[in-house]
PDB file of all heavy atoms in Angstrom:
ATOM      1  N   GLY A   1      16.187 101.798  90.299  1.00  0.00           N
ATOM      2  CA  GLY A   1      16.489 100.393  90.062  1.00  0.00           C
ATOM      3  C   GLY A   1      16.753 100.024  88.628  1.00  0.00           C
ATOM      4  O   GLY A   1      16.994  98.868  88.271  1.00  0.00           O
ATOM      5  N   MET A   2      16.708 101.047  87.676  1.00  0.00           N
ATOM      6  CA  MET A   2      16.915 100.660  86.290  1.00  0.00           C
ATOM      7  C   MET A   2      18.370 100.254  85.988  1.00  0.00           C
ATOM      8  O   MET A   2      18.601  99.501  85.142  1.00  0.00           O
ATOM      9  CB  MET A   2      16.689 102.017  85.427  1.00  0.00           C
ATOM     10  CG  MET A   2      15.251 102.498  85.531  1.00  0.00           C
ATOM     11  SD  MET A   2      13.931 101.227  85.294  1.00  0.00           S
ATOM     12  CE  MET A   2      14.326 100.769  83.591  1.00  0.00           C
ATOM     13  N   ASP A   3      19.297 100.524  86.955  1.00  0.00           N
ATOM     14  CA  ASP A   3      20.729 100.087  86.842  1.00  0.00           C
ATOM     15  C   ASP A   3      20.783  98.670  86.950  1.00  0.00           C
ATOM     16  O   ASP A   3      21.831  98.041  86.610  1.00  0.00           O
ATOM     17  CB  ASP A   3      21.643 100.945  87.745  1.00  0.00           C
ATOM     18  CG  ASP A   3      21.001 100.977  89.145  1.00  0.00           C
ATOM     19  OD1 ASP A   3      19.818 100.975  89.325  1.00  0.00           O
ATOM     20  OD2 ASP A   3      21.790 101.263  90.050  1.00  0.00           O
ATOM     21  N   ARG A   4      19.870  97.988  87.631  1.00  0.00           N
ATOM     22  CA  ARG A   4      19.898  96.510  87.747  1.00  0.00           C
ATOM     23  C   ARG A   4      19.668  95.809  86.401  1.00  0.00           C
ATOM     24  O   ARG A   4      20.249  94.797  86.107  1.00  0.00           O
ATOM     25  CB  ARG A   4      18.862  96.069  88.815  1.00  0.00           C
ATOM     26  CG  ARG A   4      19.241  96.474  90.175  1.00  0.00           C
ATOM     27  CD  ARG A   4      18.492  95.701  91.260  1.00  0.00           C
ATOM     28  NE  ARG A   4      17.022  96.024  91.171  1.00  0.00           N
ATOM     29  CZ  ARG A   4      16.501  97.062  91.899  1.00  0.00           C
ATOM     30  NH1 ARG A   4      17.192  97.772  92.643  1.00  0.00           N
ATOM     31  NH2 ARG A   4      15.164  97.226  91.809  1.00  0.00           N
ATOM     32  N   GLN A   5      18.756  96.346  85.616  1.00  0.00           N
ATOM     33  CA  GLN A   5      18.483  95.812  84.309  1.00  0.00           C
ATOM     34  C   GLN A   5      19.368  96.338  83.181  1.00  0.00           C
ATOM     35  O   GLN A   5      19.708  95.579  82.260  1.00  0.00           O
ATOM     36  CB  GLN A   5      17.012  96.167  83.950  1.00  0.00           C
ATOM     37  CG  GLN A   5      16.500  95.466  82.647  1.00  0.00           C
ATOM     38  CD  GLN A   5      15.078  95.676  82.375  1.00  0.00           C
ATOM     39  OE1 GLN A   5      14.327  96.207  83.279  1.00  0.00           O
ATOM     40  NE2 GLN A   5      14.540  95.274  81.272  1.00  0.00           N
ATOM     41  N   TYR A   6      19.910  97.479  83.462  1.00  0.00           N
ATOM     42  CA  TYR A   6      20.882  98.136  82.465  1.00  0.00           C
ATOM     43  C   TYR A   6      22.165  98.478  83.252  1.00  0.00           C
ATOM     44  O   TYR A   6      22.326  99.587  83.652  1.00  0.00           O
ATOM     45  CB  TYR A   6      20.179  99.377  81.861  1.00  0.00           C
ATOM     46  CG  TYR A   6      18.979  99.062  81.062  1.00  0.00           C
ATOM     47  CD1 TYR A   6      17.692  99.130  81.753  1.00  0.00           C
ATOM     48  CD2 TYR A   6      18.974  98.701  79.732  1.00  0.00           C
ATOM     49  CE1 TYR A   6      16.536  98.824  81.081  1.00  0.00           C
ATOM     50  CE2 TYR A   6      17.818  98.441  79.083  1.00  0.00           C
ATOM     51  CZ  TYR A   6      16.525  98.507  79.698  1.00  0.00           C
ATOM     52  OH  TYR A   6      15.444  98.191  79.109  1.00  0.00           O
ATOM     53  N   PRO A   7      23.070  97.476  83.267  1.00  0.00           N
ATOM     54  CA  PRO A   7      24.255  97.610  84.164  1.00  0.00           C
ATOM     55  C   PRO A   7      25.263  98.688  83.808  1.00  0.00           C
ATOM     56  O   PRO A   7      26.157  99.010  84.677  1.00  0.00           O
ATOM     57  CB  PRO A   7      24.894  96.193  84.085  1.00  0.00           C
ATOM     58  CG  PRO A   7      24.416  95.626  82.772  1.00  0.00           C
ATOM     59  CD  PRO A   7      23.026  96.254  82.551  1.00  0.00           C
ATOM     60  N   ASN A   8      25.144  99.252  82.695  1.00  0.00           N
ATOM     61  CA  ASN A   8      26.030 100.379  82.320  1.00  0.00           C
ATOM     62  C   ASN A   8      25.554 101.650  82.812  1.00  0.00           C
ATOM     63  O   ASN A   8      26.172 102.723  82.541  1.00  0.00           O
ATOM     64  CB  ASN A   8      26.314 100.354  80.801  1.00  0.00           C
ATOM     65  CG  ASN A   8      27.141  99.120  80.318  1.00  0.00           C
ATOM     66  OD1 ASN A   8      27.941  98.629  81.085  1.00  0.00           O
ATOM     67  ND2 ASN A   8      26.941  98.748  79.150  1.00  0.00           N
ATOM     68  N   LEU A   9      24.332 101.739  83.426  1.00  0.00           N
ATOM     69  CA  LEU A   9      23.850 103.011  83.874  1.00  0.00           C
ATOM     70  C   LEU A   9      24.162 103.157  85.349  1.00  0.00           C
ATOM     71  O   LEU A   9      24.172 102.268  86.158  1.00  0.00           O
ATOM     72  CB  LEU A   9      22.333 102.965  83.627  1.00  0.00           C
ATOM     73  CG  LEU A   9      21.831 102.926  82.209  1.00  0.00           C
ATOM     74  CD1 LEU A   9      20.368 103.179  82.131  1.00  0.00           C
ATOM     75  CD2 LEU A   9      22.530 104.043  81.418  1.00  0.00           C
ATOM     76  N   ILE A  10      24.407 104.438  85.710  1.00  0.00           N
ATOM     77  CA  ILE A  10      24.603 104.865  86.987  1.00  0.00           C
ATOM     78  C   ILE A  10      23.583 105.892  87.457  1.00  0.00           C
ATOM     79  O   ILE A  10      23.352 106.820  86.778  1.00  0.00           O
ATOM     80  CB  ILE A  10      26.048 105.523  87.247  1.00  0.00           C
ATOM     81  CG1 ILE A  10      27.137 104.515  86.893  1.00  0.00           C
ATOM     82  CG2 ILE A  10      26.278 106.106  88.613  1.00  0.00           C
ATOM     83  CD1 ILE A  10      28.522 105.229  86.698  1.00  0.00           C
ATOM     84  N   ILE A  11      22.918 105.604  88.652  1.00  0.00           N
ATOM     85  CA  ILE A  11      21.866 106.534  89.151  1.00  0.00           C
ATOM     86  C   ILE A  11      22.539 107.784  89.741  1.00  0.00           C
ATOM     87  O   ILE A  11      23.593 107.660  90.422  1.00  0.00           O
ATOM     88  CB  ILE A  11      20.952 105.875  90.104  1.00  0.00           C
ATOM     89  CG1 ILE A  11      19.762 106.718  90.330  1.00  0.00           C
ATOM     90  CG2 ILE A  11      21.702 105.530  91.339  1.00  0.00           C
ATOM     91  CD1 ILE A  11      18.645 106.042  91.103  1.00  0.00           C
ATOM     92  N   VAL A  12      22.020 108.941  89.499  1.00  0.00           N
ATOM     93  CA  VAL A  12      22.353 110.192  90.204  1.00  0.00           C
ATOM     94  C   VAL A  12      21.369 110.258  91.415  1.00  0.00           C
ATOM     95  O   VAL A  12      20.144 110.540  91.107  1.00  0.00           O
ATOM     96  CB  VAL A  12      22.280 111.428  89.335  1.00  0.00           C
ATOM     97  CG1 VAL A  12      22.639 112.633  90.112  1.00  0.00           C
ATOM     98  CG2 VAL A  12      23.215 111.217  88.011  1.00  0.00           C
ATOM     99  N   PRO A  13      21.747 109.977  92.597  1.00  0.00           N
ATOM    100  CA  PRO A  13      20.795 109.628  93.686  1.00  0.00           C
ATOM    101  C   PRO A  13      20.134 110.879  94.319  1.00  0.00           C
ATOM    102  O   PRO A  13      19.995 110.867  95.583  1.00  0.00           O
ATOM    103  CB  PRO A  13      21.640 108.932  94.658  1.00  0.00           C
ATOM    104  CG  PRO A  13      22.997 109.538  94.507  1.00  0.00           C
ATOM    105  CD  PRO A  13      23.145 109.828  93.047  1.00  0.00           C
ATOM    106  N   VAL A  14      19.609 111.761  93.527  1.00  0.00           N
ATOM    107  CA  VAL A  14      18.783 112.850  94.019  1.00  0.00           C
ATOM    108  C   VAL A  14      17.505 112.896  93.200  1.00  0.00           C
ATOM    109  O   VAL A  14      17.597 113.137  91.968  1.00  0.00           O
ATOM    110  CB  VAL A  14      19.556 114.274  93.864  1.00  0.00           C
ATOM    111  CG1 VAL A  14      18.726 115.303  94.507  1.00  0.00           C
ATOM    112  CG2 VAL A  14      20.896 114.129  94.650  1.00  0.00           C
ATOM    113  N   PRO A  15      16.352 112.740  93.780  1.00  0.00           N
ATOM    114  CA  PRO A  15      15.065 112.717  93.028  1.00  0.00           C
ATOM    115  C   PRO A  15      14.768 114.027  92.354  1.00  0.00           C
ATOM    116  O   PRO A  15      15.004 115.105  92.892  1.00  0.00           O
ATOM    117  CB  PRO A  15      14.063 112.335  94.052  1.00  0.00           C
ATOM    118  CG  PRO A  15      14.612 112.682  95.352  1.00  0.00           C
ATOM    119  CD  PRO A  15      16.084 112.549  95.172  1.00  0.00           C
ATOM    120  N   LEU A  16      14.378 113.917  91.106  1.00  0.00           N
ATOM    121  CA  LEU A  16      14.010 115.153  90.253  1.00  0.00           C
ATOM    122  C   LEU A  16      12.579 115.579  90.521  1.00  0.00           C
ATOM    123  O   LEU A  16      12.225 116.728  90.558  1.00  0.00           O
ATOM    124  CB  LEU A  16      14.264 114.831  88.848  1.00  0.00           C
ATOM    125  CG  LEU A  16      15.664 114.424  88.441  1.00  0.00           C
ATOM    126  CD1 LEU A  16      15.742 114.212  86.892  1.00  0.00           C
ATOM    127  CD2 LEU A  16      16.664 115.505  88.799  1.00  0.00           C
ATOM    128  N   LEU A  17      11.664 114.529  90.655  1.00  0.00           N
ATOM    129  CA  LEU A  17      10.244 114.835  90.918  1.00  0.00           C
ATOM    130  C   LEU A  17       9.638 113.531  91.333  1.00  0.00           C
ATOM    131  O   LEU A  17      10.192 112.423  91.330  1.00  0.00           O
ATOM    132  CB  LEU A  17       9.579 115.370  89.670  1.00  0.00           C
ATOM    133  CG  LEU A  17       9.435 114.471  88.501  1.00  0.00           C
ATOM    134  CD1 LEU A  17       8.142 114.861  87.701  1.00  0.00           C
ATOM    135  CD2 LEU A  17      10.584 114.674  87.509  1.00  0.00           C
ATOM    136  N   THR A  18       8.363 113.629  91.727  1.00  0.00           N
ATOM    137  CA  THR A  18       7.601 112.402  92.095  1.00  0.00           C
ATOM    138  C   THR A  18       6.678 112.067  90.945  1.00  0.00           C
ATOM    139  O   THR A  18       5.911 112.963  90.444  1.00  0.00           O
ATOM    140  CB  THR A  18       6.764 112.637  93.356  1.00  0.00           C
ATOM    141  OG1 THR A  18       7.605 112.864  94.405  1.00  0.00           O
ATOM    142  CG2 THR A  18       5.867 111.429  93.738  1.00  0.00           C
ATOM    143  N   TYR A  19       6.757 110.880  90.553  1.00  0.00           N
ATOM    144  CA  TYR A  19       5.940 110.407  89.328  1.00  0.00           C
ATOM    145  C   TYR A  19       4.745 109.586  89.883  1.00  0.00           C
ATOM    146  O   TYR A  19       4.927 108.675  90.639  1.00  0.00           O
ATOM    147  CB  TYR A  19       6.905 109.496  88.560  1.00  0.00           C
ATOM    148  CG  TYR A  19       6.577 109.371  87.043  1.00  0.00           C
ATOM    149  CD1 TYR A  19       7.056 110.298  86.186  1.00  0.00           C
ATOM    150  CD2 TYR A  19       5.809 108.318  86.581  1.00  0.00           C
ATOM    151  CE1 TYR A  19       6.823 110.240  84.832  1.00  0.00           C
ATOM    152  CE2 TYR A  19       5.526 108.255  85.165  1.00  0.00           C
ATOM    153  CZ  TYR A  19       6.014 109.209  84.258  1.00  0.00           C
ATOM    154  OH  TYR A  19       5.752 109.069  82.957  1.00  0.00           O
ATOM    155  N   GLU A  20       3.606 109.966  89.409  1.00  0.00           N
ATOM    156  CA  GLU A  20       2.375 109.307  89.887  1.00  0.00           C
ATOM    157  C   GLU A  20       1.613 108.615  88.775  1.00  0.00           C
ATOM    158  O   GLU A  20       1.301 109.399  87.849  1.00  0.00           O
ATOM    159  CB  GLU A  20       1.489 110.372  90.600  1.00  0.00           C
ATOM    160  CG  GLU A  20       0.427 109.852  91.503  1.00  0.00           C
ATOM    161  CD  GLU A  20      -0.322 110.979  92.249  1.00  0.00           C
ATOM    162  OE1 GLU A  20      -0.630 111.986  91.602  1.00  0.00           O
ATOM    163  OE2 GLU A  20      -0.556 110.776  93.489  1.00  0.00           O
ATOM    164  N   ILE A  21       1.429 107.290  88.877  1.00  0.00           N
ATOM    165  CA  ILE A  21       0.737 106.565  87.783  1.00  0.00           C
ATOM    166  C   ILE A  21      -0.727 106.500  88.166  1.00  0.00           C
ATOM    167  O   ILE A  21      -1.102 105.933  89.296  1.00  0.00           O
ATOM    168  CB  ILE A  21       1.342 105.141  87.705  1.00  0.00           C
ATOM    169  CG1 ILE A  21       2.748 105.241  87.302  1.00  0.00           C
ATOM    170  CG2 ILE A  21       0.574 104.372  86.668  1.00  0.00           C
ATOM    171  CD1 ILE A  21       3.084 105.813  85.853  1.00  0.00           C
ATOM    172  N   VAL A  22      -1.590 106.978  87.258  1.00  0.00           N
ATOM    173  CA  VAL A  22      -3.028 106.786  87.624  1.00  0.00           C
ATOM    174  C   VAL A  22      -3.791 106.314  86.415  1.00  0.00           C
ATOM    175  O   VAL A  22      -3.226 106.106  85.347  1.00  0.00           O
ATOM    176  CB  VAL A  22      -3.564 108.325  87.913  1.00  0.00           C
ATOM    177  CG1 VAL A  22      -2.960 108.846  89.097  1.00  0.00           C
ATOM    178  CG2 VAL A  22      -3.404 109.297  86.680  1.00  0.00           C
ATOM    179  N   VAL A  23      -5.089 106.108  86.559  1.00  0.00           N
ATOM    180  CA  VAL A  23      -6.026 105.535  85.534  1.00  0.00           C
ATOM    181  C   VAL A  23      -6.940 106.695  85.084  1.00  0.00           C
ATOM    182  O   VAL A  23      -7.507 107.388  85.938  1.00  0.00           O
ATOM    183  CB  VAL A  23      -6.842 104.369  86.047  1.00  0.00           C
ATOM    184  CG1 VAL A  23      -7.857 103.982  85.044  1.00  0.00           C
ATOM    185  CG2 VAL A  23      -5.949 103.279  86.472  1.00  0.00           C
ATOM    186  N   PHE A  24      -7.009 106.914  83.770  1.00  0.00           N
ATOM    187  CA  PHE A  24      -7.899 107.877  83.160  1.00  0.00           C
ATOM    188  C   PHE A  24      -8.980 107.110  82.420  1.00  0.00           C
ATOM    189  O   PHE A  24      -8.693 106.086  81.823  1.00  0.00           O
ATOM    190  CB  PHE A  24      -7.136 108.776  82.123  1.00  0.00           C
ATOM    191  CG  PHE A  24      -5.995 109.599  82.698  1.00  0.00           C
ATOM    192  CD1 PHE A  24      -4.683 109.072  82.751  1.00  0.00           C
ATOM    193  CD2 PHE A  24      -6.173 110.848  83.173  1.00  0.00           C
ATOM    194  CE1 PHE A  24      -3.669 109.769  83.238  1.00  0.00           C
ATOM    195  CE2 PHE A  24      -5.231 111.577  83.671  1.00  0.00           C
ATOM    196  CZ  PHE A  24      -3.891 111.031  83.706  1.00  0.00           C
ATOM    197  N   THR A  25     -10.260 107.535  82.626  1.00  0.00           N
ATOM    198  CA  THR A  25     -11.335 106.863  81.967  1.00  0.00           C
ATOM    199  C   THR A  25     -12.247 107.818  81.277  1.00  0.00           C
ATOM    200  O   THR A  25     -12.311 109.062  81.591  1.00  0.00           O
ATOM    201  CB  THR A  25     -12.202 106.133  83.029  1.00  0.00           C
ATOM    202  OG1 THR A  25     -12.985 107.008  83.760  1.00  0.00           O
ATOM    203  CG2 THR A  25     -11.322 105.234  83.967  1.00  0.00           C
ATOM    204  N   HIS A  26     -13.012 107.319  80.282  1.00  0.00           N
ATOM    205  CA  HIS A  26     -14.031 108.028  79.566  1.00  0.00           C
ATOM    206  C   HIS A  26     -15.247 107.204  79.516  1.00  0.00           C
ATOM    207  O   HIS A  26     -15.487 106.381  78.621  1.00  0.00           O
ATOM    208  CB  HIS A  26     -13.489 108.342  78.078  1.00  0.00           C
ATOM    209  CG  HIS A  26     -14.538 109.049  77.274  1.00  0.00           C
ATOM    210  ND1 HIS A  26     -15.009 108.548  76.104  1.00  0.00           N
ATOM    211  CD2 HIS A  26     -15.186 110.157  77.504  1.00  0.00           C
ATOM    212  CE1 HIS A  26     -15.858 109.437  75.611  1.00  0.00           C
ATOM    213  NE2 HIS A  26     -16.065 110.425  76.459  1.00  0.00           N
ATOM    214  N   GLY A  27     -16.050 107.301  80.560  1.00  0.00           N
ATOM    215  CA  GLY A  27     -17.304 106.554  80.617  1.00  0.00           C
ATOM    216  C   GLY A  27     -17.201 105.157  81.224  1.00  0.00           C
ATOM    217  O   GLY A  27     -18.122 104.471  81.379  1.00  0.00           O
ATOM    218  N   THR A  28     -15.932 104.724  81.522  1.00  0.00           N
ATOM    219  CA  THR A  28     -15.777 103.353  82.222  1.00  0.00           C
ATOM    220  C   THR A  28     -15.611 103.670  83.677  1.00  0.00           C
ATOM    221  O   THR A  28     -14.736 104.311  84.061  1.00  0.00           O
ATOM    222  CB  THR A  28     -14.470 102.716  81.576  1.00  0.00           C
ATOM    223  OG1 THR A  28     -14.679 102.558  80.214  1.00  0.00           O
ATOM    224  CG2 THR A  28     -14.353 101.362  82.279  1.00  0.00           C
ATOM    225  N   ASP A  29     -16.554 103.103  84.406  1.00  0.00           N
ATOM    226  CA  ASP A  29     -16.497 103.307  85.871  1.00  0.00           C
ATOM    227  C   ASP A  29     -16.382 102.031  86.644  1.00  0.00           C
ATOM    228  O   ASP A  29     -17.131 101.105  86.381  1.00  0.00           O
ATOM    229  CB  ASP A  29     -17.804 104.125  86.307  1.00  0.00           C
ATOM    230  CG  ASP A  29     -17.624 104.768  87.636  1.00  0.00           C
ATOM    231  OD1 ASP A  29     -16.560 104.732  88.232  1.00  0.00           O
ATOM    232  OD2 ASP A  29     -18.716 105.119  88.263  1.00  0.00           O
ATOM    233  N   PHE A  30     -15.466 101.871  87.578  1.00  0.00           N
ATOM    234  CA  PHE A  30     -15.332 100.735  88.338  1.00  0.00           C
ATOM    235  C   PHE A  30     -14.542 101.023  89.577  1.00  0.00           C
ATOM    236  O   PHE A  30     -13.942 102.064  89.683  1.00  0.00           O
ATOM    237  CB  PHE A  30     -14.608  99.544  87.511  1.00  0.00           C
ATOM    238  CG  PHE A  30     -13.170  99.925  87.047  1.00  0.00           C
ATOM    239  CD1 PHE A  30     -12.112  99.469  87.829  1.00  0.00           C
ATOM    240  CD2 PHE A  30     -12.936 100.739  86.035  1.00  0.00           C
ATOM    241  CE1 PHE A  30     -10.835  99.709  87.447  1.00  0.00           C
ATOM    242  CE2 PHE A  30     -11.575 101.071  85.677  1.00  0.00           C
ATOM    243  CZ  PHE A  30     -10.570 100.567  86.350  1.00  0.00           C
ATOM    244  N   LEU A  31     -14.519 100.108  90.532  1.00  0.00           N
ATOM    245  CA  LEU A  31     -13.751 100.325  91.784  1.00  0.00           C
ATOM    246  C   LEU A  31     -12.335  99.940  91.530  1.00  0.00           C
ATOM    247  O   LEU A  31     -12.045  98.791  91.216  1.00  0.00           O
ATOM    248  CB  LEU A  31     -14.336  99.338  92.771  1.00  0.00           C
ATOM    249  CG  LEU A  31     -13.687  99.471  94.223  1.00  0.00           C
ATOM    250  CD1 LEU A  31     -13.797 100.827  94.824  1.00  0.00           C
ATOM    251  CD2 LEU A  31     -14.266  98.377  95.189  1.00  0.00           C
ATOM    252  N   LEU A  32     -11.480 100.945  91.640  1.00  0.00           N
ATOM    253  CA  LEU A  32     -10.029 100.690  91.359  1.00  0.00           C
ATOM    254  C   LEU A  32      -9.407 100.188  92.578  1.00  0.00           C
ATOM    255  O   LEU A  32      -9.383 100.847  93.721  1.00  0.00           O
ATOM    256  CB  LEU A  32      -9.436 102.018  90.996  1.00  0.00           C
ATOM    257  CG  LEU A  32      -7.881 101.950  90.624  1.00  0.00           C
ATOM    258  CD1 LEU A  32      -7.578 100.964  89.519  1.00  0.00           C
ATOM    259  CD2 LEU A  32      -7.355 103.422  90.238  1.00  0.00           C
ATOM    260  N   ASN A  33      -8.852  99.019  92.465  1.00  0.00           N
ATOM    261  CA  ASN A  33      -8.177  98.421  93.664  1.00  0.00           C
ATOM    262  C   ASN A  33      -6.911  97.687  93.190  1.00  0.00           C
ATOM    263  O   ASN A  33      -6.812  96.464  93.164  1.00  0.00           O
ATOM    264  CB  ASN A  33      -9.121  97.386  94.364  1.00  0.00           C
ATOM    265  CG  ASN A  33      -8.569  96.845  95.637  1.00  0.00           C
ATOM    266  OD1 ASN A  33      -7.679  97.445  96.255  1.00  0.00           O
ATOM    267  ND2 ASN A  33      -8.999  95.628  96.036  1.00  0.00           N
ATOM    268  N   GLY A  34      -5.967  98.440  92.835  1.00  0.00           N
ATOM    269  CA  GLY A  34      -4.674  97.916  92.360  1.00  0.00           C
ATOM    270  C   GLY A  34      -4.692  97.544  90.929  1.00  0.00           C
ATOM    271  O   GLY A  34      -5.688  97.591  90.262  1.00  0.00           O
TER     272      GLY A  34
END
């Protein structure tokens, strides 16, 4: 979807890898819910 914000870009429609966004903590503990 980056081509919607940057209209001069064209996507090459084959995924290169799966990107996973996570939370890293150092002593901070809580229930992660979104």
